[in-house]
Amino acid sequence: MAPFAFNLAFSRATDDFFALFGLTPAYRDETLCTIYTLEARTHFGADCHDGDAIHVDCRLIDLDAKRTHLVLTMYRDDTAE
């Protein structure tokens, strides 16, 4: 996978995470609020290829009224990597 594809997968996982708490695209449209990434660091441990089944674990590290700090880890479903 190209680097942009990893970040796209992380972005979609983040959207799913926020949707668990009601911060859906519909809510953001209604309230005119937005969610954005101020900083992202991507470390590559192994490559994924087209067709690989993957999942992303999302861990909430810190939270306040305006910020969330998340750690996202991508795994290939066929390995522990």
C-alpha atoms as a PDB file:
ATOM      1  CA  MET A   1       0.000   0.000   0.000  1.00  0.00           C
ATOM      2  CA  ALA A   2       1.159   3.522  -0.706  1.00  0.00           C
ATOM      3  CA  PRO A   3       1.546   5.803   2.332  1.00  0.00           C
ATOM      4  CA  PHE A   4      -1.638   7.726   1.481  1.00  0.00           C
ATOM      5  CA  ALA A   5      -3.644   4.485   1.685  1.00  0.00           C
ATOM      6  CA  PHE A   6      -2.491   3.834   5.255  1.00  0.00           C
ATOM      7  CA  ASN A   7      -3.568   7.347   6.258  1.00  0.00           C
ATOM      8  CA  LEU A   8      -6.894   6.931   4.459  1.00  0.00           C
ATOM      9  CA  ALA A   9      -7.555   3.733   6.436  1.00  0.00           C
ATOM     10  CA  PHE A  10      -6.657   5.547   9.672  1.00  0.00           C
ATOM     11  CA  SER A  11      -8.921   8.465   8.730  1.00  0.00           C
ATOM     12  CA  ARG A  12     -11.870   6.151   8.117  1.00  0.00           C
ATOM     13  CA  ALA A  13     -11.236   4.354  11.404  1.00  0.00           C
ATOM     14  CA  THR A  14     -11.181   7.706  13.192  1.00  0.00           C
ATOM     15  CA  ASP A  15     -14.514   8.645  11.599  1.00  0.00           C
ATOM     16  CA  ASP A  16     -15.976   5.338  12.812  1.00  0.00           C
ATOM     17  CA  PHE A  17     -14.588   5.959  16.310  1.00  0.00           C
ATOM     18  CA  PHE A  18     -16.168   9.417  16.561  1.00  0.00           C
ATOM     19  CA  ALA A  19     -19.466   8.094  15.184  1.00  0.00           C
ATOM     20  CA  LEU A  20     -19.676   5.836  18.264  1.00  0.00           C
ATOM     21  CA  PHE A  21     -20.126   9.045  20.275  1.00  0.00           C
ATOM     22  CA  GLY A  22     -22.576  10.711  17.911  1.00  0.00           C
ATOM     23  CA  LEU A  23     -20.062  12.818  16.003  1.00  0.00           C
ATOM     24  CA  THR A  24     -21.364  11.647  12.644  1.00  0.00           C
ATOM     25  CA  PRO A  25     -21.191  13.573   9.360  1.00  0.00           C
ATOM     26  CA  ALA A  26     -24.890  14.434   9.813  1.00  0.00           C
ATOM     27  CA  TYR A  27     -24.241  15.880  13.290  1.00  0.00           C
ATOM     28  CA  ARG A  28     -21.303  17.896  11.982  1.00  0.00           C
ATOM     29  CA  ASP A  29     -23.464  19.251   9.140  1.00  0.00           C
ATOM     30  CA  GLU A  30     -26.243  20.222  11.560  1.00  0.00           C
ATOM     31  CA  THR A  31     -23.958  21.930  14.068  1.00  0.00           C
ATOM     32  CA  LEU A  32     -21.393  23.298  11.595  1.00  0.00           C
ATOM     33  CA  CYS A  33     -18.619  21.790  13.693  1.00  0.00           C
ATOM     34  CA  THR A  34     -15.711  19.877  12.269  1.00  0.00           C
ATOM     35  CA  ILE A  35     -13.067  17.372  13.268  1.00  0.00           C
ATOM     36  CA  TYR A  36      -9.551  17.792  11.982  1.00  0.00           C
ATOM     37  CA  THR A  37      -6.138  16.303  12.509  1.00  0.00           C
ATOM     38  CA  LEU A  38      -3.549  18.651  13.915  1.00  0.00           C
ATOM     39  CA  GLU A  39      -0.725  16.120  13.991  1.00  0.00           C
ATOM     40  CA  ALA A  40      -0.262  12.589  12.725  1.00  0.00           C
ATOM     41  CA  ARG A  41       2.740  10.298  12.891  1.00  0.00           C
ATOM     42  CA  THR A  42       2.832   7.138  10.856  1.00  0.00           C
ATOM     43  CA  HIS A  43       5.322   4.366  11.591  1.00  0.00           C
ATOM     44  CA  PHE A  44       5.507   1.484   9.139  1.00  0.00           C
ATOM     45  CA  GLY A  45       6.176  -1.935  10.665  1.00  0.00           C
ATOM     46  CA  ALA A  46       5.179  -4.010   7.648  1.00  0.00           C
ATOM     47  CA  ASP A  47       3.555  -3.506   4.274  1.00  0.00           C
ATOM     48  CA  CYS A  48       0.020  -4.346   3.235  1.00  0.00           C
ATOM     49  CA  HIS A  49      -0.982  -5.284  -0.265  1.00  0.00           C
ATOM     50  CA  ASP A  50      -4.099  -4.838  -2.357  1.00  0.00           C
ATOM     51  CA  GLY A  51      -6.699  -7.306  -1.145  1.00  0.00           C
ATOM     52  CA  ASP A  52      -5.194  -7.823   2.327  1.00  0.00           C
ATOM     53  CA  ALA A  53      -7.846  -7.908   5.031  1.00  0.00           C
ATOM     54  CA  ILE A  54      -6.944  -5.316   7.675  1.00  0.00           C
ATOM     55  CA  HIS A  55      -8.409  -3.820  10.802  1.00  0.00           C
ATOM     56  CA  VAL A  56      -7.512  -0.741  12.802  1.00  0.00           C
ATOM     57  CA  ASP A  57      -7.500  -0.627  16.596  1.00  0.00           C
ATOM     58  CA  CYS A  58      -8.252   2.823  17.978  1.00  0.00           C
ATOM     59  CA  ARG A  59      -7.198   3.671  21.537  1.00  0.00           C
ATOM     60  CA  LEU A  60      -8.221   6.839  23.321  1.00  0.00           C
ATOM     61  CA  ILE A  61      -5.158   8.144  25.169  1.00  0.00           C
ATOM     62  CA  ASP A  62      -6.379  11.534  26.401  1.00  0.00           C
ATOM     63  CA  LEU A  63      -9.462  13.723  26.162  1.00  0.00           C
ATOM     64  CA  ASP A  64     -10.544  17.220  27.112  1.00  0.00           C
ATOM     65  CA  ALA A  65     -13.273  19.626  25.982  1.00  0.00           C
ATOM     66  CA  LYS A  66     -11.576  20.369  22.659  1.00  0.00           C
ATOM     67  CA  ARG A  67      -9.077  17.590  22.001  1.00  0.00           C
ATOM     68  CA  THR A  68      -8.779  13.860  21.702  1.00  0.00           C
ATOM     69  CA  HIS A  69      -5.506  12.002  21.551  1.00  0.00           C
ATOM     70  CA  LEU A  70      -5.748   8.674  19.780  1.00  0.00           C
ATOM     71  CA  VAL A  71      -3.334   5.907  18.916  1.00  0.00           C
ATOM     72  CA  LEU A  72      -4.367   3.895  15.885  1.00  0.00           C
ATOM     73  CA  THR A  73      -2.704   0.597  15.013  1.00  0.00           C
ATOM     74  CA  MET A  74      -3.340  -1.275  11.793  1.00  0.00           C
ATOM     75  CA  TYR A  75      -3.157  -5.050  11.643  1.00  0.00           C
ATOM     76  CA  ARG A  76      -3.378  -7.493   8.793  1.00  0.00           C
ATOM     77  CA  ASP A  77      -6.006 -10.048   9.706  1.00  0.00           C
ATOM     78  CA  ASP A  78      -3.820 -12.981   8.626  1.00  0.00           C
ATOM     79  CA  THR A  79      -0.924 -12.052  10.956  1.00  0.00           C
ATOM     80  CA  ALA A  80      -0.228 -10.252  14.219  1.00  0.00           C
ATOM     81  CA  GLU A  81       1.597  -7.520  12.267  1.00  0.00           C
END
